[in-house]
């Protein structure tokens, strides 16, 4: 754009984001892509929660301060992305703009994740439609909250001018094929 300083241009990447509400099958597809030998990036929040629980911390303690928790996850995402080559095709289980949605969910000001999200452009964003909701050790949401999160995620990416590729519910291998054919 005329008048823009070059340093304000976003980092263009070949990265593909797999996102969606809790219990949308994202991680199963990311695991399938990894099984096929494709480079993937695990979900930062899930990895952080799992690591903390292995240390003996209960989930309610890990997430007791939503502001601190969300800032920690954002920092992890930023650290990961800073180390990755922009021109390598990678598949992310969530990315920076997901933090915008989670900040909003928690009633936090999303200015920081929004600022960082504007500094990177992903090649493709896949929004996975929700499957039957199931709780697990790291999931505290219910089906209604999951639907709300899905709306917040879609809003975060569309507000950043991404065209979202919706991925319908189908078997894991077919969803992986779908993502690969649209990547």
N, C-alpha and C. Protein backbone atom coordinates (compact mmCIF):
# COMPACT_ATOMS: atom_id res chain seq x y z
N UNK A 1 0.84 -1.18 0.00
CA UNK A 1 0.00 0.00 0.00
C UNK A 1 0.88 1.24 0.00
N UNK A 2 0.51 2.24 -0.76
CA UNK A 2 1.29 3.47 -0.75
C UNK A 2 1.33 4.08 0.65
N UNK A 3 2.50 4.59 1.01
CA UNK A 3 2.63 5.25 2.29
C UNK A 3 2.90 4.33 3.47
N UNK A 4 2.82 3.02 3.24
CA UNK A 4 3.09 2.09 4.35
C UNK A 4 4.58 1.85 4.46
N UNK A 5 5.06 1.84 5.65
CA UNK A 5 6.45 1.52 5.89
C UNK A 5 6.62 0.02 5.72
N UNK A 6 7.70 -0.44 5.05
CA UNK A 6 7.88 -1.87 4.79
C UNK A 6 7.82 -2.75 6.03
N UNK A 7 8.27 -2.22 7.18
CA UNK A 7 8.27 -3.04 8.39
C UNK A 7 6.85 -3.29 8.91
N UNK A 8 5.88 -2.53 8.41
CA UNK A 8 4.50 -2.75 8.86
C UNK A 8 3.79 -3.79 8.01
N UNK A 9 4.43 -4.29 6.98
CA UNK A 9 3.83 -5.33 6.15
C UNK A 9 3.81 -6.64 6.91
N UNK A 10 2.73 -7.41 6.77
CA UNK A 10 2.67 -8.68 7.50
C UNK A 10 3.64 -9.72 6.92
N UNK A 11 4.02 -10.63 7.76
CA UNK A 11 4.88 -11.75 7.37
C UNK A 11 3.99 -12.74 6.59
N UNK A 12 4.26 -12.91 5.31
CA UNK A 12 3.48 -13.82 4.49
C UNK A 12 4.02 -15.24 4.66
N UNK A 13 3.13 -16.17 4.92
CA UNK A 13 3.56 -17.55 5.17
C UNK A 13 2.81 -18.53 4.27
N UNK A 14 3.31 -19.73 4.25
CA UNK A 14 2.66 -20.86 3.58
C UNK A 14 1.93 -21.73 4.59
N UNK A 15 1.69 -21.22 5.78
CA UNK A 15 1.11 -21.97 6.87
C UNK A 15 -0.41 -22.08 6.71
N UNK A 16 -0.91 -23.25 7.05
CA UNK A 16 -2.35 -23.50 7.02
C UNK A 16 -2.83 -23.71 8.46
N UNK A 17 -3.95 -23.09 8.78
CA UNK A 17 -4.50 -23.17 10.12
C UNK A 17 -5.72 -24.08 10.12
N UNK A 18 -5.72 -25.00 11.06
CA UNK A 18 -6.89 -25.84 11.30
C UNK A 18 -7.47 -25.36 12.62
N UNK A 19 -8.66 -24.81 12.54
CA UNK A 19 -9.27 -24.22 13.72
C UNK A 19 -10.73 -24.63 13.82
N UNK A 20 -11.34 -24.25 14.91
CA UNK A 20 -12.74 -24.56 15.15
C UNK A 20 -12.99 -24.61 16.63
N UNK A 21 -14.22 -24.88 16.96
CA UNK A 21 -14.62 -24.97 18.36
C UNK A 21 -13.97 -26.16 19.04
N UNK A 22 -13.96 -26.15 20.38
CA UNK A 22 -13.57 -27.38 21.07
C UNK A 22 -14.46 -28.52 20.59
N UNK A 23 -13.88 -29.66 20.39
CA UNK A 23 -14.60 -30.86 19.95
C UNK A 23 -15.10 -30.72 18.51
N UNK A 24 -14.20 -30.23 17.64
CA UNK A 24 -14.54 -30.17 16.22
C UNK A 24 -13.68 -31.15 15.41
N UNK A 25 -12.83 -31.89 16.09
CA UNK A 25 -12.00 -32.88 15.40
C UNK A 25 -10.70 -32.36 14.84
N UNK A 26 -10.31 -31.14 15.23
CA UNK A 26 -9.08 -30.53 14.71
C UNK A 26 -7.85 -31.38 15.00
N UNK A 27 -7.69 -31.73 16.25
CA UNK A 27 -6.48 -32.43 16.67
C UNK A 27 -6.38 -33.80 16.03
N UNK A 28 -7.50 -34.48 15.86
CA UNK A 28 -7.47 -35.79 15.19
C UNK A 28 -6.97 -35.64 13.76
N UNK A 29 -7.37 -34.58 13.08
CA UNK A 29 -6.92 -34.37 11.70
C UNK A 29 -5.45 -33.95 11.68
N UNK A 30 -5.05 -33.09 12.60
CA UNK A 30 -3.64 -32.69 12.68
C UNK A 30 -2.78 -33.94 12.94
N UNK A 31 -3.24 -34.81 13.84
CA UNK A 31 -2.51 -36.06 14.11
C UNK A 31 -2.44 -36.93 12.85
N UNK A 32 -3.51 -36.97 12.08
CA UNK A 32 -3.53 -37.74 10.82
C UNK A 32 -2.55 -37.15 9.82
N UNK A 33 -2.50 -35.84 9.72
CA UNK A 33 -1.53 -35.20 8.82
C UNK A 33 -0.10 -35.53 9.24
N UNK A 34 0.16 -35.50 10.54
CA UNK A 34 1.49 -35.85 11.05
C UNK A 34 1.81 -37.31 10.74
N UNK A 35 0.84 -38.19 10.89
CA UNK A 35 1.03 -39.61 10.58
C UNK A 35 1.42 -39.79 9.12
N UNK A 36 0.92 -38.92 8.27
CA UNK A 36 1.22 -38.96 6.84
C UNK A 36 2.56 -38.30 6.51
N UNK A 37 3.23 -37.80 7.53
CA UNK A 37 4.55 -37.22 7.33
C UNK A 37 4.57 -35.73 7.06
N UNK A 38 3.45 -35.07 7.23
CA UNK A 38 3.40 -33.62 7.00
C UNK A 38 3.79 -32.88 8.28
N UNK A 39 4.43 -31.73 8.14
CA UNK A 39 4.82 -30.96 9.33
C UNK A 39 3.61 -30.28 9.97
N UNK A 40 3.46 -30.48 11.26
CA UNK A 40 2.33 -29.92 12.00
C UNK A 40 2.83 -29.20 13.25
N UNK A 41 1.99 -28.30 13.75
CA UNK A 41 2.27 -27.58 14.99
C UNK A 41 1.10 -27.86 15.92
N UNK A 42 1.41 -28.43 17.08
CA UNK A 42 0.39 -28.80 18.05
C UNK A 42 -0.28 -27.57 18.64
N UNK A 43 -1.47 -27.77 19.17
CA UNK A 43 -2.21 -26.68 19.81
C UNK A 43 -1.47 -26.23 21.06
N UNK A 44 -1.14 -24.97 21.14
CA UNK A 44 -0.35 -24.42 22.25
C UNK A 44 -1.05 -24.59 23.59
N UNK A 45 -2.33 -24.30 23.64
CA UNK A 45 -3.05 -24.39 24.92
C UNK A 45 -3.09 -25.83 25.42
N UNK A 46 -3.39 -26.75 24.53
CA UNK A 46 -3.45 -28.17 24.93
C UNK A 46 -2.08 -28.65 25.41
N UNK A 47 -1.03 -28.30 24.69
CA UNK A 47 0.32 -28.72 25.09
C UNK A 47 0.69 -28.13 26.45
N UNK A 48 0.35 -26.86 26.67
CA UNK A 48 0.65 -26.21 27.94
C UNK A 48 -0.13 -26.87 29.08
N UNK A 49 -1.42 -27.09 28.87
CA UNK A 49 -2.24 -27.72 29.91
C UNK A 49 -1.73 -29.12 30.23
N UNK A 50 -1.44 -29.90 29.20
CA UNK A 50 -0.93 -31.27 29.42
C UNK A 50 0.38 -31.25 30.20
N UNK A 51 1.28 -30.34 29.84
CA UNK A 51 2.57 -30.25 30.54
C UNK A 51 2.38 -29.87 32.01
N UNK A 52 1.48 -28.93 32.27
CA UNK A 52 1.23 -28.51 33.65
C UNK A 52 0.55 -29.62 34.45
N UNK A 53 -0.36 -30.36 33.83
CA UNK A 53 -1.04 -31.45 34.53
C UNK A 53 -0.06 -32.58 34.86
N UNK A 54 0.92 -32.79 33.99
CA UNK A 54 1.96 -33.80 34.28
C UNK A 54 2.79 -33.42 35.49
N UNK A 55 2.85 -32.11 35.78
CA UNK A 55 3.56 -31.63 36.97
C UNK A 55 2.68 -31.74 38.21
N UNK A 56 1.45 -32.20 38.03
CA UNK A 56 0.55 -32.37 39.16
C UNK A 56 -0.42 -31.23 39.40
N UNK A 57 -0.42 -30.24 38.53
CA UNK A 57 -1.34 -29.11 38.70
C UNK A 57 -2.72 -29.48 38.16
N UNK A 58 -3.77 -29.25 38.92
CA UNK A 58 -5.13 -29.52 38.41
C UNK A 58 -5.55 -28.45 37.40
N UNK A 59 -6.45 -28.81 36.50
CA UNK A 59 -6.91 -27.92 35.45
C UNK A 59 -7.48 -26.62 36.00
N UNK A 60 -8.27 -26.70 37.07
CA UNK A 60 -8.88 -25.48 37.60
C UNK A 60 -7.81 -24.51 38.12
N UNK A 61 -6.70 -25.02 38.59
CA UNK A 61 -5.60 -24.15 39.03
C UNK A 61 -4.89 -23.55 37.82
N UNK A 62 -4.65 -24.35 36.79
CA UNK A 62 -3.96 -23.89 35.58
C UNK A 62 -4.73 -22.73 34.94
N UNK A 63 -6.05 -22.84 34.93
CA UNK A 63 -6.89 -21.84 34.27
C UNK A 63 -7.56 -20.88 35.26
N UNK A 64 -7.06 -20.83 36.50
CA UNK A 64 -7.73 -20.02 37.54
C UNK A 64 -7.68 -18.52 37.25
N UNK A 65 -6.65 -18.06 36.56
CA UNK A 65 -6.53 -16.65 36.20
C UNK A 65 -6.60 -16.56 34.67
N UNK A 66 -7.80 -16.33 34.11
CA UNK A 66 -7.95 -16.35 32.65
C UNK A 66 -7.02 -15.38 31.92
N UNK A 67 -6.80 -14.21 32.48
CA UNK A 67 -5.92 -13.24 31.83
C UNK A 67 -4.49 -13.78 31.75
N UNK A 68 -4.01 -14.30 32.84
CA UNK A 68 -2.65 -14.85 32.87
C UNK A 68 -2.55 -16.05 31.94
N UNK A 69 -3.54 -16.92 31.98
CA UNK A 69 -3.54 -18.11 31.13
C UNK A 69 -3.53 -17.72 29.65
N UNK A 70 -4.41 -16.82 29.24
CA UNK A 70 -4.49 -16.44 27.82
C UNK A 70 -3.23 -15.72 27.36
N UNK A 71 -2.65 -14.88 28.22
CA UNK A 71 -1.39 -14.22 27.86
C UNK A 71 -0.28 -15.24 27.70
N UNK A 72 -0.26 -16.25 28.56
CA UNK A 72 0.76 -17.31 28.47
C UNK A 72 0.63 -18.07 27.15
N UNK A 73 -0.60 -18.41 26.75
CA UNK A 73 -0.82 -19.15 25.51
C UNK A 73 -0.42 -18.29 24.32
N UNK A 74 -0.77 -17.02 24.34
CA UNK A 74 -0.38 -16.11 23.26
C UNK A 74 1.14 -16.05 23.14
N UNK A 75 1.83 -15.94 24.27
CA UNK A 75 3.30 -15.88 24.26
C UNK A 75 3.89 -17.17 23.68
N UNK A 76 3.35 -18.31 24.03
CA UNK A 76 3.82 -19.59 23.49
C UNK A 76 3.65 -19.60 21.97
N UNK A 77 2.48 -19.18 21.49
CA UNK A 77 2.23 -19.14 20.04
C UNK A 77 3.23 -18.23 19.34
N UNK A 78 3.46 -17.05 19.92
CA UNK A 78 4.40 -16.11 19.32
C UNK A 78 5.81 -16.70 19.26
N UNK A 79 6.23 -17.35 20.33
CA UNK A 79 7.56 -17.97 20.36
C UNK A 79 7.68 -19.06 19.31
N UNK A 80 6.65 -19.87 19.17
CA UNK A 80 6.67 -20.95 18.18
C UNK A 80 6.76 -20.37 16.77
N UNK A 81 5.87 -19.43 16.46
CA UNK A 81 5.83 -18.88 15.11
C UNK A 81 7.12 -18.14 14.74
N UNK A 82 7.75 -17.51 15.72
CA UNK A 82 9.00 -16.78 15.44
C UNK A 82 10.12 -17.71 14.97
N UNK A 83 10.06 -18.97 15.38
CA UNK A 83 11.11 -19.93 15.03
C UNK A 83 10.85 -20.68 13.73
N UNK A 84 9.66 -20.55 13.17
CA UNK A 84 9.29 -21.36 12.02
C UNK A 84 9.55 -20.65 10.69
N UNK A 85 9.98 -21.43 9.67
CA UNK A 85 10.20 -20.82 8.35
C UNK A 85 8.88 -20.48 7.66
N UNK A 86 8.75 -19.25 7.23
CA UNK A 86 7.51 -18.78 6.63
C UNK A 86 7.17 -19.50 5.33
N UNK A 87 8.17 -19.95 4.59
CA UNK A 87 7.90 -20.54 3.28
C UNK A 87 7.71 -22.05 3.30
N UNK A 88 7.68 -22.64 4.49
CA UNK A 88 7.42 -24.08 4.59
C UNK A 88 5.93 -24.30 4.85
N UNK A 89 5.35 -25.23 4.12
CA UNK A 89 3.92 -25.55 4.33
C UNK A 89 3.80 -26.30 5.64
N UNK A 90 3.14 -25.68 6.61
CA UNK A 90 2.91 -26.26 7.93
C UNK A 90 1.42 -26.23 8.22
N UNK A 91 0.97 -27.16 9.05
CA UNK A 91 -0.42 -27.20 9.47
C UNK A 91 -0.48 -26.95 10.98
N UNK A 92 -1.15 -25.89 11.36
CA UNK A 92 -1.28 -25.49 12.76
C UNK A 92 -2.61 -25.97 13.34
N UNK A 93 -2.55 -26.51 14.53
CA UNK A 93 -3.75 -26.77 15.32
C UNK A 93 -3.98 -25.48 16.12
N UNK A 94 -4.74 -24.58 15.56
CA UNK A 94 -5.00 -23.22 16.04
C UNK A 94 -3.80 -22.32 15.75
N UNK A 95 -4.06 -21.00 15.70
CA UNK A 95 -3.01 -20.03 15.45
C UNK A 95 -3.31 -18.74 16.23
N UNK A 96 -2.52 -17.72 15.98
CA UNK A 96 -2.64 -16.47 16.75
C UNK A 96 -4.07 -15.90 16.80
N UNK A 97 -4.80 -15.83 15.67
CA UNK A 97 -6.14 -15.23 15.75
C UNK A 97 -7.11 -15.98 16.67
N UNK A 98 -6.85 -17.26 16.96
CA UNK A 98 -7.69 -17.97 17.91
C UNK A 98 -7.62 -17.30 19.29
N UNK A 99 -6.47 -16.70 19.58
CA UNK A 99 -6.33 -16.00 20.87
C UNK A 99 -7.26 -14.80 20.95
N UNK A 100 -7.53 -14.16 19.83
CA UNK A 100 -8.49 -13.05 19.83
C UNK A 100 -9.84 -13.56 20.34
N UNK A 101 -10.26 -14.70 19.80
CA UNK A 101 -11.54 -15.29 20.20
C UNK A 101 -11.56 -15.64 21.68
N UNK A 102 -10.49 -16.26 22.16
CA UNK A 102 -10.46 -16.66 23.57
C UNK A 102 -10.33 -15.47 24.51
N UNK A 103 -9.63 -14.42 24.11
CA UNK A 103 -9.61 -13.20 24.91
C UNK A 103 -11.03 -12.66 25.04
N UNK A 104 -11.73 -12.59 23.90
CA UNK A 104 -13.11 -12.07 23.93
C UNK A 104 -14.01 -12.96 24.78
N UNK A 105 -13.84 -14.26 24.67
CA UNK A 105 -14.63 -15.19 25.47
C UNK A 105 -14.46 -14.90 26.95
N UNK A 106 -13.24 -14.59 27.36
CA UNK A 106 -12.94 -14.33 28.77
C UNK A 106 -13.21 -12.89 29.19
N UNK A 107 -13.70 -12.06 28.26
CA UNK A 107 -13.98 -10.67 28.58
C UNK A 107 -12.73 -9.82 28.67
N UNK A 108 -11.66 -10.25 28.02
CA UNK A 108 -10.40 -9.53 28.03
C UNK A 108 -10.28 -8.66 26.78
N UNK A 109 -9.49 -7.62 26.87
CA UNK A 109 -9.24 -6.75 25.73
C UNK A 109 -8.36 -7.51 24.73
N UNK A 110 -8.84 -7.73 23.49
CA UNK A 110 -8.07 -8.51 22.52
C UNK A 110 -7.04 -7.70 21.73
N UNK A 111 -6.71 -6.50 22.18
CA UNK A 111 -5.81 -5.63 21.42
C UNK A 111 -4.45 -6.31 21.16
N UNK A 112 -3.88 -6.97 22.16
CA UNK A 112 -2.56 -7.57 21.97
C UNK A 112 -2.59 -8.71 20.96
N UNK A 113 -3.48 -9.72 21.09
CA UNK A 113 -3.48 -10.76 20.07
C UNK A 113 -3.88 -10.23 18.69
N UNK A 114 -4.71 -9.20 18.65
CA UNK A 114 -5.09 -8.60 17.37
C UNK A 114 -3.87 -7.95 16.71
N UNK A 115 -3.10 -7.23 17.47
CA UNK A 115 -1.89 -6.58 16.95
C UNK A 115 -0.92 -7.62 16.38
N UNK A 116 -0.70 -8.69 17.12
CA UNK A 116 0.22 -9.73 16.65
C UNK A 116 -0.35 -10.47 15.44
N UNK A 117 -1.65 -10.68 15.44
CA UNK A 117 -2.29 -11.40 14.33
C UNK A 117 -2.20 -10.62 13.02
N UNK A 118 -2.15 -9.33 13.11
CA UNK A 118 -2.03 -8.49 11.91
C UNK A 118 -0.62 -8.55 11.32
N UNK A 119 0.33 -9.09 12.06
CA UNK A 119 1.72 -9.14 11.60
C UNK A 119 2.06 -10.41 10.83
N UNK A 120 1.08 -11.28 10.66
CA UNK A 120 1.32 -12.54 9.95
C UNK A 120 0.11 -12.83 9.05
N UNK A 121 0.36 -13.45 7.92
CA UNK A 121 -0.73 -13.89 7.04
C UNK A 121 -0.54 -15.37 6.78
N UNK A 122 -1.57 -16.13 7.07
CA UNK A 122 -1.56 -17.57 6.83
C UNK A 122 -2.07 -17.84 5.42
N UNK A 123 -1.57 -18.91 4.82
CA UNK A 123 -1.97 -19.27 3.46
C UNK A 123 -3.45 -19.63 3.40
N UNK A 124 -3.88 -20.46 4.36
CA UNK A 124 -5.26 -20.95 4.33
C UNK A 124 -5.75 -21.14 5.76
N UNK A 125 -7.03 -20.89 5.97
CA UNK A 125 -7.66 -21.10 7.27
C UNK A 125 -8.83 -22.04 7.08
N UNK A 126 -8.76 -23.18 7.77
CA UNK A 126 -9.82 -24.19 7.73
C UNK A 126 -10.59 -24.13 9.04
N UNK A 127 -11.89 -23.95 8.96
CA UNK A 127 -12.74 -23.96 10.14
C UNK A 127 -13.51 -25.27 10.14
N UNK A 128 -13.21 -26.11 11.12
CA UNK A 128 -13.83 -27.42 11.22
C UNK A 128 -15.18 -27.32 11.91
N UNK A 129 -16.19 -27.88 11.27
CA UNK A 129 -17.52 -27.90 11.88
C UNK A 129 -17.51 -28.86 13.05
N UNK A 130 -18.34 -28.55 14.05
CA UNK A 130 -18.34 -29.32 15.29
C UNK A 130 -18.91 -30.72 15.12
N UNK A 131 -18.30 -31.63 15.86
CA UNK A 131 -18.81 -33.00 15.97
C UNK A 131 -19.53 -33.11 17.31
N UNK A 132 -20.00 -34.28 17.65
CA UNK A 132 -20.68 -34.45 18.93
C UNK A 132 -19.75 -34.05 20.07
N UNK A 133 -20.25 -33.22 20.97
CA UNK A 133 -19.42 -32.68 22.04
C UNK A 133 -19.10 -33.75 23.08
N UNK A 134 -17.81 -33.82 23.43
CA UNK A 134 -17.35 -34.75 24.47
C UNK A 134 -16.34 -34.03 25.35
N UNK A 135 -16.50 -34.14 26.66
CA UNK A 135 -15.54 -33.56 27.60
C UNK A 135 -14.30 -34.44 27.67
N UNK A 136 -13.17 -33.83 28.02
CA UNK A 136 -11.96 -34.59 28.31
C UNK A 136 -11.19 -33.86 29.41
N UNK A 137 -9.98 -34.33 29.71
CA UNK A 137 -9.23 -33.80 30.86
C UNK A 137 -8.83 -32.33 30.71
N UNK A 138 -8.75 -31.82 29.49
CA UNK A 138 -8.32 -30.43 29.30
C UNK A 138 -9.45 -29.54 28.80
N UNK A 139 -10.61 -30.07 28.62
CA UNK A 139 -11.74 -29.31 28.04
C UNK A 139 -12.72 -28.96 29.15
N UNK A 140 -12.94 -27.68 29.36
CA UNK A 140 -13.85 -27.24 30.42
C UNK A 140 -15.17 -26.71 29.86
N UNK A 141 -15.27 -26.57 28.55
CA UNK A 141 -16.45 -25.99 27.93
C UNK A 141 -17.58 -27.00 27.85
N UNK A 142 -18.79 -26.47 27.59
CA UNK A 142 -19.93 -27.32 27.27
C UNK A 142 -20.30 -27.05 25.81
N UNK A 143 -21.31 -27.74 25.30
CA UNK A 143 -21.68 -27.62 23.89
C UNK A 143 -22.09 -26.19 23.53
N UNK A 144 -22.82 -25.52 24.41
CA UNK A 144 -23.25 -24.15 24.13
C UNK A 144 -22.05 -23.20 24.05
N UNK A 145 -21.11 -23.36 24.97
CA UNK A 145 -19.91 -22.53 24.95
C UNK A 145 -19.08 -22.83 23.71
N UNK A 146 -19.02 -24.09 23.32
CA UNK A 146 -18.28 -24.46 22.12
C UNK A 146 -18.86 -23.76 20.89
N UNK A 147 -20.18 -23.70 20.79
CA UNK A 147 -20.82 -23.01 19.67
C UNK A 147 -20.48 -21.52 19.69
N UNK A 148 -20.45 -20.93 20.88
CA UNK A 148 -20.08 -19.51 21.01
C UNK A 148 -18.62 -19.30 20.59
N UNK A 149 -17.74 -20.18 21.01
CA UNK A 149 -16.32 -20.09 20.63
C UNK A 149 -16.17 -20.17 19.12
N UNK A 150 -16.92 -21.07 18.50
CA UNK A 150 -16.85 -21.20 17.04
C UNK A 150 -17.20 -19.87 16.37
N UNK A 151 -18.23 -19.20 16.84
CA UNK A 151 -18.62 -17.90 16.27
C UNK A 151 -17.52 -16.86 16.50
N UNK A 152 -16.93 -16.87 17.68
CA UNK A 152 -15.86 -15.91 17.98
C UNK A 152 -14.62 -16.17 17.11
N UNK A 153 -14.31 -17.43 16.88
CA UNK A 153 -13.15 -17.77 16.03
C UNK A 153 -13.41 -17.32 14.60
N UNK A 154 -14.59 -17.64 14.09
CA UNK A 154 -14.92 -17.23 12.72
C UNK A 154 -14.85 -15.71 12.59
N UNK A 155 -15.38 -15.00 13.55
CA UNK A 155 -15.34 -13.54 13.55
C UNK A 155 -13.90 -13.02 13.58
N UNK A 156 -13.06 -13.63 14.40
CA UNK A 156 -11.66 -13.18 14.50
C UNK A 156 -10.95 -13.29 13.15
N UNK A 157 -11.11 -14.41 12.48
CA UNK A 157 -10.44 -14.60 11.18
C UNK A 157 -11.07 -13.74 10.08
N UNK A 158 -12.38 -13.64 10.05
CA UNK A 158 -12.99 -12.82 9.00
C UNK A 158 -12.69 -11.34 9.21
N UNK A 159 -12.61 -10.90 10.47
CA UNK A 159 -12.23 -9.51 10.74
C UNK A 159 -10.81 -9.21 10.26
N UNK A 160 -9.98 -10.24 10.16
CA UNK A 160 -8.62 -10.09 9.65
C UNK A 160 -8.56 -10.34 8.13
N UNK A 161 -9.72 -10.39 7.51
CA UNK A 161 -9.86 -10.54 6.05
C UNK A 161 -9.42 -11.89 5.50
N UNK A 162 -9.56 -12.94 6.30
CA UNK A 162 -9.31 -14.28 5.79
C UNK A 162 -10.57 -14.84 5.16
N UNK A 163 -10.40 -15.57 4.08
CA UNK A 163 -11.48 -16.36 3.51
C UNK A 163 -11.40 -17.72 4.20
N UNK A 164 -12.44 -18.08 4.89
CA UNK A 164 -12.44 -19.32 5.67
C UNK A 164 -12.95 -20.47 4.81
N UNK A 165 -12.23 -21.57 4.85
CA UNK A 165 -12.67 -22.80 4.19
C UNK A 165 -13.32 -23.66 5.26
N UNK A 166 -14.63 -23.84 5.16
CA UNK A 166 -15.35 -24.66 6.14
C UNK A 166 -15.16 -26.13 5.79
N UNK A 167 -14.88 -26.92 6.81
CA UNK A 167 -14.66 -28.35 6.63
C UNK A 167 -15.82 -29.08 7.31
N UNK A 168 -16.64 -29.76 6.51
CA UNK A 168 -17.80 -30.44 7.10
C UNK A 168 -17.38 -31.67 7.91
N UNK A 169 -18.31 -32.15 8.69
CA UNK A 169 -18.08 -33.36 9.47
C UNK A 169 -18.01 -34.54 8.50
N UNK A 170 -16.95 -35.29 8.60
CA UNK A 170 -16.74 -36.52 7.82
C UNK A 170 -15.62 -37.29 8.52
N UNK A 171 -15.34 -38.51 8.11
CA UNK A 171 -14.27 -39.26 8.77
C UNK A 171 -12.93 -38.51 8.73
N UNK A 172 -12.10 -38.79 9.72
CA UNK A 172 -10.82 -38.08 9.89
C UNK A 172 -9.98 -38.10 8.61
N UNK A 173 -9.81 -39.26 8.00
CA UNK A 173 -8.99 -39.35 6.79
C UNK A 173 -9.54 -38.48 5.67
N UNK A 174 -10.86 -38.43 5.56
CA UNK A 174 -11.49 -37.60 4.52
C UNK A 174 -11.31 -36.12 4.82
N UNK A 175 -11.37 -35.75 6.08
CA UNK A 175 -11.13 -34.35 6.44
C UNK A 175 -9.68 -33.97 6.14
N UNK A 176 -8.75 -34.87 6.42
CA UNK A 176 -7.35 -34.61 6.10
C UNK A 176 -7.17 -34.46 4.60
N UNK A 177 -7.79 -35.34 3.82
CA UNK A 177 -7.72 -35.23 2.36
C UNK A 177 -8.30 -33.90 1.88
N UNK A 178 -9.42 -33.51 2.47
CA UNK A 178 -10.08 -32.25 2.11
C UNK A 178 -9.12 -31.09 2.36
N UNK A 179 -8.52 -31.05 3.55
CA UNK A 179 -7.59 -29.96 3.87
C UNK A 179 -6.41 -29.95 2.91
N UNK A 180 -5.87 -31.11 2.62
CA UNK A 180 -4.73 -31.18 1.69
C UNK A 180 -5.11 -30.72 0.29
N UNK A 181 -6.30 -31.07 -0.15
CA UNK A 181 -6.71 -30.68 -1.50
C UNK A 181 -7.02 -29.19 -1.62
N UNK A 182 -7.25 -28.52 -0.49
CA UNK A 182 -7.53 -27.09 -0.50
C UNK A 182 -6.38 -26.24 0.04
N UNK A 183 -5.31 -26.89 0.46
CA UNK A 183 -4.18 -26.16 1.02
C UNK A 183 -3.40 -25.44 -0.06
